Amino acid sequence: MPKMKTHSSLKDRIKITGTGKVRRYKAYKNHLMYGKSPSQKQRLGKSPIMATGDVARLKQQISNLK
């Protein structure tokens, strides 16, 4: 049986925290920042923890990520 491979696009899109939670990135923070309000830019600065339902759905694809 061959080894299970990690989904390549997920390697750069998510990070695993030290406690095993999955941290994701937000959209709308790469360019055109001058048109966004300061409060919106402040909210976009933090990367949130991914929802548990989404983690369960992606668990097989991220099984090899540490």
Protein backbone atom coordinates (compact mmCIF):
# COMPACT_ATOMS: atom_id res chain seq x y z
CA MET A 1 0.00 0.00 0.00
CA PRO A 2 1.54 3.37 -0.96
CA LYS A 3 1.99 6.17 1.52
CA MET A 4 -0.81 8.69 2.01
CA LYS A 5 0.23 12.03 0.55
CA THR A 6 -0.65 15.44 1.97
CA HIS A 7 -2.78 17.59 -0.33
CA SER A 8 -0.17 20.00 -1.71
CA SER A 9 -2.29 23.15 -1.81
CA LEU A 10 -3.26 22.75 1.85
CA LYS A 11 0.35 22.82 3.02
CA ASP A 12 0.55 26.58 2.41
CA ARG A 13 -3.03 27.46 3.33
CA ILE A 14 -3.21 26.13 6.87
CA LYS A 15 -0.93 25.69 9.86
CA ILE A 16 -1.24 23.29 12.78
CA THR A 17 -0.86 24.88 16.22
CA GLY A 18 1.05 23.31 19.08
CA THR A 19 -2.15 21.99 20.63
CA GLY A 20 -3.27 20.41 17.34
CA LYS A 21 -5.80 23.02 16.25
CA VAL A 22 -5.87 24.14 12.63
CA ARG A 23 -5.22 27.80 11.88
CA ARG A 24 -6.40 29.18 8.53
CA TYR A 25 -5.78 32.38 6.60
CA LYS A 26 -8.32 35.06 5.78
CA ALA A 27 -9.27 36.39 2.38
CA TYR A 28 -9.14 40.08 1.34
CA LYS A 29 -5.82 40.90 2.97
CA ASN A 30 -3.32 40.73 0.10
CA HIS A 31 -3.82 43.97 -1.81
CA LEU A 32 -6.00 47.09 -2.08
CA MET A 33 -5.53 47.72 1.63
CA TYR A 34 -5.81 51.50 1.21
CA GLY A 35 -9.54 51.17 0.53
CA LYS A 36 -10.26 49.26 3.72
CA SER A 37 -11.05 50.82 7.08
CA PRO A 38 -8.51 50.58 9.92
CA SER A 39 -10.84 48.37 11.94
CA GLN A 40 -11.23 45.98 9.03
CA LYS A 41 -7.46 45.81 8.58
CA GLN A 42 -7.07 45.10 12.29
CA ARG A 43 -9.56 42.22 12.09
CA LEU A 44 -7.79 40.82 9.03
CA GLY A 45 -4.46 40.77 10.87
CA LYS A 46 -5.34 37.78 13.01
CA SER A 47 -5.57 34.31 11.54
CA PRO A 48 -8.52 32.43 13.09
CA ILE A 49 -8.89 28.82 14.21
CA MET A 50 -10.69 26.73 11.61
CA ALA A 51 -14.18 25.47 12.45
CA THR A 52 -14.38 21.91 13.72
CA GLY A 53 -16.70 20.82 10.92
CA ASP A 54 -14.19 21.98 8.32
CA VAL A 55 -11.33 20.29 10.15
CA ALA A 56 -13.21 16.98 10.16
CA ARG A 57 -13.75 17.33 6.42
CA LEU A 58 -10.07 18.01 5.72
CA LYS A 59 -8.57 15.61 8.25
CA GLN A 60 -7.65 12.97 5.69
CA GLN A 61 -5.97 15.49 3.39
CA ILE A 62 -3.90 17.03 6.18
CA SER A 63 -3.04 13.77 7.92
CA ASN A 64 0.70 14.11 7.23
CA LEU A 65 1.03 17.76 8.27
CA LYS A 66 2.67 18.47 11.62
